[in-house]
Amino acid sequence: MKHIYTLEGMTCGGCQASVEKNLIEIEDVTNVFVDLKEGEVIITMNAHIATAVLQKALPKKFKISKKVEHKEVAFADTSFVSLEEEKSKLAQLKPLLIIIFYITTASILLNYKEWFLGEFMLDFMGLFYIVFSFFKMLDLNGFKMSFGMYDPIAKKVPFYGKIYPFIETLLGLMFLMRFEIDIALIVTLIILGVTTIGVTRALLDRKSIRCACLGTALKLPMTEATFIENAIMILMAVLMLLNIF
């Protein structure tokens, strides 16, 4: 079942992420799409949920009210479909794939004269962290909210989501400058390992939530690609640690 609601009180991407985070955690809610411009939210649910329950889950600054009755929404399923829903997974992931392609190409160009796999991996990991942290910093509050929807640490310690982009920037600089690489690799295993656990849980629960890997500037869905993206970094870190130790 899909229902459309009017939502008052949203002013920024952080508000949007906060609404998504709180509503998706309600039992029987499988998908939440928030249209910040229109002030609307489309909620897909397995069973009917009273508007009062939705309101209770939201911070007091937001006011949610039913916009379309259930029968009208059934018709809207064929005529009112958000742009995000019309796109295929591949189309939604296009920005992520392009960014990874550019990072890979840049890493190859930095090492093509004297090719060494270890140097390539260090440059890839460094550029990966720098580029991805940049997008997160465009909207720190929004990223914190989205990240807290699936990362186990960010769920319990919101401040962790606030400093996470800076941790990524620091790790990126350490890899690119070849400074304390062993420490950077161990930290990478820890933070990405924890995040991957959260990503795996989200995929198994089959709840449609936003991936925060590129912040809120680019609306990416949580898919298997997110898991693979983290797995690649973890694999590189493991290979580098085996080489070091």
C-alpha atoms as a PDB file:
ATOM      1  CA  MET A   1       0.000   0.000   0.000  1.00  0.00           C
ATOM      2  CA  LYS A   2       1.193   3.457  -0.912  1.00  0.00           C
ATOM      3  CA  HIS A   3      -0.051   6.638   0.752  1.00  0.00           C
ATOM      4  CA  ILE A   4       0.728  10.288   0.105  1.00  0.00           C
ATOM      5  CA  TYR A   5       0.965  12.798   2.960  1.00  0.00           C
ATOM      6  CA  THR A   6       1.507  16.517   3.255  1.00  0.00           C
ATOM      7  CA  LEU A   7       4.456  17.328   5.493  1.00  0.00           C
ATOM      8  CA  GLU A   8       4.976  20.745   7.060  1.00  0.00           C
ATOM      9  CA  GLY A   9       8.150  21.970   8.747  1.00  0.00           C
ATOM     10  CA  MET A  10      10.819  20.820   6.295  1.00  0.00           C
ATOM     11  CA  THR A  11      13.379  23.463   5.349  1.00  0.00           C
ATOM     12  CA  CYS A  12      16.538  21.634   4.258  1.00  0.00           C
ATOM     13  CA  GLY A  13      18.177  18.365   3.330  1.00  0.00           C
ATOM     14  CA  GLY A  14      18.776  17.655   7.005  1.00  0.00           C
ATOM     15  CA  CYS A  15      15.026  17.827   7.654  1.00  0.00           C
ATOM     16  CA  GLN A  16      14.415  15.484   4.745  1.00  0.00           C
ATOM     17  CA  ALA A  17      16.921  12.953   6.055  1.00  0.00           C
ATOM     18  CA  SER A  18      15.454  13.213   9.573  1.00  0.00           C
ATOM     19  CA  VAL A  19      11.941  12.479   8.294  1.00  0.00           C
ATOM     20  CA  GLU A  20      13.158   9.498   6.258  1.00  0.00           C
ATOM     21  CA  LYS A  21      15.128   8.120   9.188  1.00  0.00           C
ATOM     22  CA  ASN A  22      12.243   8.282  11.637  1.00  0.00           C
ATOM     23  CA  LEU A  23       9.517   7.008   9.339  1.00  0.00           C
ATOM     24  CA  ILE A  24      11.457   4.072   7.864  1.00  0.00           C
ATOM     25  CA  GLU A  25      11.989   2.690  11.372  1.00  0.00           C
ATOM     26  CA  ILE A  26       8.235   2.238  11.896  1.00  0.00           C
ATOM     27  CA  GLU A  27       7.144  -1.374  11.691  1.00  0.00           C
ATOM     28  CA  ASP A  28       5.494  -2.298   8.358  1.00  0.00           C
ATOM     29  CA  VAL A  29       6.967   0.738   6.582  1.00  0.00           C
ATOM     30  CA  THR A  30       9.032  -0.500   3.628  1.00  0.00           C
ATOM     31  CA  ASN A  31       9.807   2.674   1.715  1.00  0.00           C
ATOM     32  CA  VAL A  32       9.778   6.429   2.349  1.00  0.00           C
ATOM     33  CA  PHE A  33      10.219   9.042  -0.369  1.00  0.00           C
ATOM     34  CA  VAL A  34      10.314  12.670   0.782  1.00  0.00           C
ATOM     35  CA  ASP A  35       9.771  15.448  -1.748  1.00  0.00           C
ATOM     36  CA  LEU A  36      11.303  18.476  -0.070  1.00  0.00           C
ATOM     37  CA  LYS A  37      10.216  20.884  -2.816  1.00  0.00           C
ATOM     38  CA  GLU A  38       6.556  19.825  -2.781  1.00  0.00           C
ATOM     39  CA  GLY A  39       6.397  19.270   0.983  1.00  0.00           C
ATOM     40  CA  GLU A  40       5.135  15.731   0.526  1.00  0.00           C
ATOM     41  CA  VAL A  41       6.072  12.244   1.644  1.00  0.00           C
ATOM     42  CA  ILE A  42       5.094   8.993  -0.064  1.00  0.00           C
ATOM     43  CA  ILE A  43       5.064   6.013   2.287  1.00  0.00           C
ATOM     44  CA  THR A  44       4.839   2.391   1.196  1.00  0.00           C
ATOM     45  CA  MET A  45       3.610   0.057   3.941  1.00  0.00           C
ATOM     46  CA  ASN A  46       2.677  -3.581   4.393  1.00  0.00           C
ATOM     47  CA  ALA A  47      -0.289  -2.759   6.638  1.00  0.00           C
ATOM     48  CA  HIS A  48      -2.304   0.371   7.326  1.00  0.00           C
ATOM     49  CA  ILE A  49      -0.628   2.762   9.769  1.00  0.00           C
ATOM     50  CA  ALA A  50      -2.599   5.542  11.420  1.00  0.00           C
ATOM     51  CA  THR A  51      -1.469   9.091  10.751  1.00  0.00           C
ATOM     52  CA  ALA A  52      -1.163   9.595  14.521  1.00  0.00           C
ATOM     53  CA  VAL A  53       1.462   6.852  14.644  1.00  0.00           C
ATOM     54  CA  LEU A  54       3.432   8.535  11.870  1.00  0.00           C
ATOM     55  CA  GLN A  55       3.185  11.896  13.642  1.00  0.00           C
ATOM     56  CA  LYS A  56       4.404  10.397  16.919  1.00  0.00           C
ATOM     57  CA  ALA A  57       7.503   9.029  15.194  1.00  0.00           C
ATOM     58  CA  LEU A  58       8.476  12.470  13.881  1.00  0.00           C
ATOM     59  CA  PRO A  59      10.118  15.349  15.771  1.00  0.00           C
ATOM     60  CA  LYS A  60       7.617  17.976  16.973  1.00  0.00           C
ATOM     61  CA  LYS A  61       8.657  20.525  14.338  1.00  0.00           C
ATOM     62  CA  PHE A  62       7.069  18.398  11.601  1.00  0.00           C
ATOM     63  CA  LYS A  63       3.339  18.056  10.980  1.00  0.00           C
ATOM     64  CA  ILE A  64       2.103  15.215   8.787  1.00  0.00           C
ATOM     65  CA  SER A  65      -1.409  14.887   7.374  1.00  0.00           C
ATOM     66  CA  LYS A  66      -3.068  12.591   4.879  1.00  0.00           C
ATOM     67  CA  LYS A  67      -3.270  14.107   1.407  1.00  0.00           C
ATOM     68  CA  VAL A  68      -4.958  11.373  -0.610  1.00  0.00           C
ATOM     69  CA  GLU A  69      -7.353   8.662   0.491  1.00  0.00           C
ATOM     70  CA  HIS A  70      -6.305   5.045   0.002  1.00  0.00           C
ATOM     71  CA  LYS A  71      -8.551   4.446  -3.040  1.00  0.00           C
ATOM     72  CA  GLU A  72      -7.173   7.498  -4.781  1.00  0.00           C
ATOM     73  CA  VAL A  73      -3.624   6.383  -4.111  1.00  0.00           C
ATOM     74  CA  ALA A  74      -4.326   3.028  -5.753  1.00  0.00           C
ATOM     75  CA  PHE A  75      -5.033   4.995  -8.934  1.00  0.00           C
ATOM     76  CA  ALA A  76      -2.031   7.220  -8.297  1.00  0.00           C
ATOM     77  CA  ASP A  77       0.211   4.164  -8.389  1.00  0.00           C
ATOM     78  CA  THR A  78      -0.084   4.231 -12.177  1.00  0.00           C
ATOM     79  CA  SER A  79      -0.133   8.002 -12.726  1.00  0.00           C
ATOM     80  CA  PHE A  80       1.783   9.620  -9.874  1.00  0.00           C
ATOM     81  CA  VAL A  81       5.173   7.988  -9.757  1.00  0.00           C
ATOM     82  CA  SER A  82       8.179   9.890  -8.496  1.00  0.00           C
ATOM     83  CA  LEU A  83      11.178  10.305 -10.752  1.00  0.00           C
ATOM     84  CA  GLU A  84      13.246   8.219  -8.349  1.00  0.00           C
ATOM     85  CA  GLU A  85      10.815   5.332  -8.632  1.00  0.00           C
ATOM     86  CA  GLU A  86      10.849   5.469 -12.422  1.00  0.00           C
ATOM     87  CA  LYS A  87      14.593   5.104 -12.602  1.00  0.00           C
ATOM     88  CA  SER A  88      16.191   1.712 -12.666  1.00  0.00           C
ATOM     89  CA  LYS A  89      18.755   0.800 -10.046  1.00  0.00           C
ATOM     90  CA  LEU A  90      21.516   1.242 -12.605  1.00  0.00           C
ATOM     91  CA  ALA A  91      20.318   4.737 -13.497  1.00  0.00           C
ATOM     92  CA  GLN A  92      20.166   5.726  -9.828  1.00  0.00           C
ATOM     93  CA  LEU A  93      23.667   4.392  -9.259  1.00  0.00           C
ATOM     94  CA  LYS A  94      25.106   6.183 -12.299  1.00  0.00           C
ATOM     95  CA  PRO A  95      26.770   8.999 -10.251  1.00  0.00           C
ATOM     96  CA  LEU A  96      28.452   6.444  -7.965  1.00  0.00           C
ATOM     97  CA  LEU A  97      29.722   4.382 -10.903  1.00  0.00           C
ATOM     98  CA  ILE A  98      31.078   7.467 -12.688  1.00  0.00           C
ATOM     99  CA  ILE A  99      32.906   8.654  -9.565  1.00  0.00           C
ATOM    100  CA  ILE A 100      34.483   5.232  -8.994  1.00  0.00           C
ATOM    101  CA  PHE A 101      35.512   5.148 -12.678  1.00  0.00           C
ATOM    102  CA  TYR A 102      37.258   8.522 -12.354  1.00  0.00           C
ATOM    103  CA  ILE A 103      38.982   7.520  -9.117  1.00  0.00           C
ATOM    104  CA  THR A 104      40.206   4.288 -10.723  1.00  0.00           C
ATOM    105  CA  THR A 105      41.424   6.120 -13.841  1.00  0.00           C
ATOM    106  CA  ALA A 106      43.268   8.749 -11.786  1.00  0.00           C
ATOM    107  CA  SER A 107      44.917   6.036  -9.677  1.00  0.00           C
ATOM    108  CA  ILE A 108      46.100   4.237 -12.812  1.00  0.00           C
ATOM    109  CA  LEU A 109      47.486   7.426 -14.351  1.00  0.00           C
ATOM    110  CA  LEU A 110      49.423   8.196 -11.170  1.00  0.00           C
ATOM    111  CA  ASN A 111      51.212   4.854 -11.422  1.00  0.00           C
ATOM    112  CA  TYR A 112      51.310   3.848 -15.096  1.00  0.00           C
ATOM    113  CA  LYS A 113      55.012   4.723 -15.600  1.00  0.00           C
ATOM    114  CA  GLU A 114      56.237   2.509 -12.762  1.00  0.00           C
ATOM    115  CA  TRP A 115      53.351   0.147 -12.128  1.00  0.00           C
ATOM    116  CA  PHE A 116      53.062  -1.347  -8.665  1.00  0.00           C
ATOM    117  CA  LEU A 117      49.752  -2.747  -7.438  1.00  0.00           C
ATOM    118  CA  GLY A 118      50.340  -1.644  -3.838  1.00  0.00           C
ATOM    119  CA  GLU A 119      50.902   1.978  -4.859  1.00  0.00           C
ATOM    120  CA  PHE A 120      47.811   1.884  -7.058  1.00  0.00           C
ATOM    121  CA  MET A 121      45.684   0.616  -4.166  1.00  0.00           C
ATOM    122  CA  LEU A 122      46.990   3.284  -1.794  1.00  0.00           C
ATOM    123  CA  ASP A 123      46.190   6.033  -4.307  1.00  0.00           C
ATOM    124  CA  PHE A 124      42.756   4.527  -4.994  1.00  0.00           C
ATOM    125  CA  MET A 125      41.910   4.371  -1.289  1.00  0.00           C
ATOM    126  CA  GLY A 126      43.213   7.881  -0.695  1.00  0.00           C
ATOM    127  CA  LEU A 127      41.263   9.412  -3.569  1.00  0.00           C
ATOM    128  CA  PHE A 128      38.192   7.370  -2.621  1.00  0.00           C
ATOM    129  CA  TYR A 129      38.153   8.834   0.884  1.00  0.00           C
ATOM    130  CA  ILE A 130      38.860  12.414  -0.237  1.00  0.00           C
ATOM    131  CA  VAL A 131      36.162  12.463  -2.930  1.00  0.00           C
ATOM    132  CA  PHE A 132      33.499  10.716  -0.862  1.00  0.00           C
ATOM    133  CA  SER A 133      34.147  12.888   2.205  1.00  0.00           C
ATOM    134  CA  PHE A 134      33.742  16.010   0.052  1.00  0.00           C
ATOM    135  CA  PHE A 135      30.170  15.049  -0.892  1.00  0.00           C
ATOM    136  CA  LYS A 136      29.348  14.224   2.730  1.00  0.00           C
ATOM    137  CA  MET A 137      30.552  17.645   3.894  1.00  0.00           C
ATOM    138  CA  LEU A 138      28.139  19.448   1.581  1.00  0.00           C
ATOM    139  CA  ASP A 139      25.394  18.677   4.100  1.00  0.00           C
ATOM    140  CA  LEU A 140      26.788  17.383   7.389  1.00  0.00           C
ATOM    141  CA  ASN A 141      23.445  17.322   9.207  1.00  0.00           C
ATOM    142  CA  GLY A 142      21.713  15.535   6.356  1.00  0.00           C
ATOM    143  CA  PHE A 143      24.537  13.009   6.110  1.00  0.00           C
ATOM    144  CA  LYS A 144      24.447  12.376   9.857  1.00  0.00           C
ATOM    145  CA  MET A 145      20.737  11.569   9.678  1.00  0.00           C
ATOM    146  CA  SER A 146      21.046   9.297   6.640  1.00  0.00           C
ATOM    147  CA  PHE A 147      24.145   7.553   7.978  1.00  0.00           C
ATOM    148  CA  GLY A 148      22.409   6.924  11.290  1.00  0.00           C
ATOM    149  CA  MET A 149      19.730   4.923   9.491  1.00  0.00           C
ATOM    150  CA  TYR A 150      22.063   1.965   8.991  1.00  0.00           C
ATOM    151  CA  ASP A 151      25.502   2.425  10.560  1.00  0.00           C
ATOM    152  CA  PRO A 152      25.475   0.679  14.001  1.00  0.00           C
ATOM    153  CA  ILE A 153      27.756   3.237  15.666  1.00  0.00           C
ATOM    154  CA  ALA A 154      26.051   6.306  14.178  1.00  0.00           C
ATOM    155  CA  LYS A 155      22.685   4.967  15.361  1.00  0.00           C
ATOM    156  CA  LYS A 156      23.833   4.963  18.987  1.00  0.00           C
ATOM    157  CA  VAL A 157      26.286   7.884  18.848  1.00  0.00           C
ATOM    158  CA  PRO A 158      24.927  10.606  16.493  1.00  0.00           C
ATOM    159  CA  PHE A 159      28.102  12.670  16.936  1.00  0.00           C
ATOM    160  CA  TYR A 160      30.015   9.909  15.149  1.00  0.00           C
ATOM    161  CA  GLY A 161      28.039  10.683  12.003  1.00  0.00           C
ATOM    162  CA  LYS A 162      29.030  14.331  12.344  1.00  0.00           C
ATOM    163  CA  ILE A 163      32.775  13.633  12.441  1.00  0.00           C
ATOM    164  CA  TYR A 164      32.804  10.672  10.052  1.00  0.00           C
ATOM    165  CA  PRO A 165      33.515  12.787   6.912  1.00  0.00           C
ATOM    166  CA  PHE A 166      36.520  14.317   8.686  1.00  0.00           C
ATOM    167  CA  ILE A 167      37.782  10.858   9.603  1.00  0.00           C
ATOM    168  CA  GLU A 168      37.535   9.923   5.920  1.00  0.00           C
ATOM    169  CA  THR A 169      39.441  13.067   4.899  1.00  0.00           C
ATOM    170  CA  LEU A 170      42.206  12.301   7.378  1.00  0.00           C
ATOM    171  CA  LEU A 171      42.469   8.699   6.174  1.00  0.00           C
ATOM    172  CA  GLY A 172      42.569   9.877   2.569  1.00  0.00           C
ATOM    173  CA  LEU A 173      45.466  12.233   3.298  1.00  0.00           C
ATOM    174  CA  MET A 174      47.321   9.506   5.192  1.00  0.00           C
ATOM    175  CA  PHE A 175      47.075   7.143   2.216  1.00  0.00           C
ATOM    176  CA  LEU A 176      48.049   9.771  -0.359  1.00  0.00           C
ATOM    177  CA  MET A 177      50.973  11.060   1.744  1.00  0.00           C
ATOM    178  CA  ARG A 178      52.029   7.506   2.707  1.00  0.00           C
ATOM    179  CA  PHE A 179      51.869   8.489   6.383  1.00  0.00           C
ATOM    180  CA  GLU A 180      51.300   5.781   9.029  1.00  0.00           C
ATOM    181  CA  ILE A 181      49.722   3.540   6.419  1.00  0.00           C
ATOM    182  CA  ASP A 182      49.345   0.578   8.776  1.00  0.00           C
ATOM    183  CA  ILE A 183      47.236   2.662  11.195  1.00  0.00           C
ATOM    184  CA  ALA A 184      45.108   4.005   8.345  1.00  0.00           C
ATOM    185  CA  LEU A 185      44.502   0.468   7.082  1.00  0.00           C
ATOM    186  CA  ILE A 186      43.444  -0.812  10.503  1.00  0.00           C
ATOM    187  CA  VAL A 187      41.061   2.128  11.000  1.00  0.00           C
ATOM    188  CA  THR A 188      39.656   1.484   7.517  1.00  0.00           C
ATOM    189  CA  LEU A 189      38.929  -2.135   8.420  1.00  0.00           C
ATOM    190  CA  ILE A 190      37.161  -1.074  11.610  1.00  0.00           C
ATOM    191  CA  ILE A 191      34.956   1.745  10.329  1.00  0.00           C
ATOM    192  CA  LEU A 192      34.071   0.149   6.993  1.00  0.00           C
ATOM    193  CA  GLY A 193      33.612  -3.241   8.632  1.00  0.00           C
ATOM    194  CA  VAL A 194      31.051  -1.770  11.036  1.00  0.00           C
ATOM    195  CA  THR A 195      29.294   0.119   8.240  1.00  0.00           C
ATOM    196  CA  THR A 196      29.168  -3.016   6.086  1.00  0.00           C
ATOM    197  CA  ILE A 197      27.383  -4.844   8.909  1.00  0.00           C
ATOM    198  CA  GLY A 198      24.745  -2.106   8.905  1.00  0.00           C
ATOM    199  CA  VAL A 199      24.460  -2.189   5.111  1.00  0.00           C
ATOM    200  CA  THR A 200      24.014  -5.968   5.173  1.00  0.00           C
ATOM    201  CA  ARG A 201      21.239  -5.700   7.757  1.00  0.00           C
ATOM    202  CA  ALA A 202      19.463  -3.028   5.716  1.00  0.00           C
ATOM    203  CA  LEU A 203      19.623  -5.184   2.587  1.00  0.00           C
ATOM    204  CA  LEU A 204      18.359  -8.259   4.436  1.00  0.00           C
ATOM    205  CA  ASP A 205      15.461  -6.256   5.928  1.00  0.00           C
ATOM    206  CA  ARG A 206      14.590  -5.180   2.369  1.00  0.00           C
ATOM    207  CA  LYS A 207      13.806  -1.647   3.506  1.00  0.00           C
ATOM    208  CA  SER A 208      14.322   1.034   0.893  1.00  0.00           C
ATOM    209  CA  ILE A 209      16.618   3.594   2.494  1.00  0.00           C
ATOM    210  CA  ARG A 210      19.074   6.102   1.138  1.00  0.00           C
ATOM    211  CA  CYS A 211      22.767   5.305   0.929  1.00  0.00           C
ATOM    212  CA  ALA A 212      24.795   8.068   2.601  1.00  0.00           C
ATOM    213  CA  CYS A 213      28.088   7.231   0.873  1.00  0.00           C
ATOM    214  CA  LEU A 214      27.814  10.407  -1.244  1.00  0.00           C
ATOM    215  CA  GLY A 215      25.942  12.447   1.345  1.00  0.00           C
ATOM    216  CA  THR A 216      22.546  13.936   0.546  1.00  0.00           C
ATOM    217  CA  ALA A 217      23.613  15.833  -2.574  1.00  0.00           C
ATOM    218  CA  LEU A 218      23.126  12.714  -4.685  1.00  0.00           C
ATOM    219  CA  LYS A 219      20.156  10.515  -3.815  1.00  0.00           C
ATOM    220  CA  LEU A 220      21.499   6.987  -4.014  1.00  0.00           C
ATOM    221  CA  PRO A 221      19.466   3.933  -2.988  1.00  0.00           C
ATOM    222  CA  MET A 222      20.870   1.352  -0.603  1.00  0.00           C
ATOM    223  CA  THR A 223      21.707  -1.536  -2.940  1.00  0.00           C
ATOM    224  CA  GLU A 224      24.161  -4.389  -3.318  1.00  0.00           C
ATOM    225  CA  ALA A 225      26.503  -1.843  -4.963  1.00  0.00           C
ATOM    226  CA  THR A 226      26.967  -0.169  -1.582  1.00  0.00           C
ATOM    227  CA  PHE A 227      28.025  -3.504  -0.102  1.00  0.00           C
ATOM    228  CA  ILE A 228      30.428  -4.162  -2.993  1.00  0.00           C
ATOM    229  CA  GLU A 229      31.886  -0.653  -2.711  1.00  0.00           C
ATOM    230  CA  ASN A 230      32.749  -1.227   0.963  1.00  0.00           C
ATOM    231  CA  ALA A 231      33.935  -4.778   0.271  1.00  0.00           C
ATOM    232  CA  ILE A 232      36.460  -3.521  -2.301  1.00  0.00           C
ATOM    233  CA  MET A 233      37.974  -1.095   0.202  1.00  0.00           C
ATOM    234  CA  ILE A 234      38.063  -3.751   2.923  1.00  0.00           C
ATOM    235  CA  LEU A 235      39.712  -6.252   0.555  1.00  0.00           C
ATOM    236  CA  MET A 236      42.359  -3.709  -0.419  1.00  0.00           C
ATOM    237  CA  ALA A 237      43.038  -2.930   3.241  1.00  0.00           C
ATOM    238  CA  VAL A 238      43.436  -6.626   4.055  1.00  0.00           C
ATOM    239  CA  LEU A 239      45.807  -7.180   1.119  1.00  0.00           C
ATOM    240  CA  MET A 240      47.897  -4.165   2.103  1.00  0.00           C
ATOM    241  CA  LEU A 241      48.079  -5.270   5.744  1.00  0.00           C
ATOM    242  CA  LEU A 242      49.212  -8.738   4.730  1.00  0.00           C
ATOM    243  CA  ASN A 243      51.933  -7.130   2.671  1.00  0.00           C
ATOM    244  CA  ILE A 244      52.994  -4.856   5.556  1.00  0.00           C
ATOM    245  CA  PHE A 245      52.962  -7.434   8.319  1.00  0.00           C
END
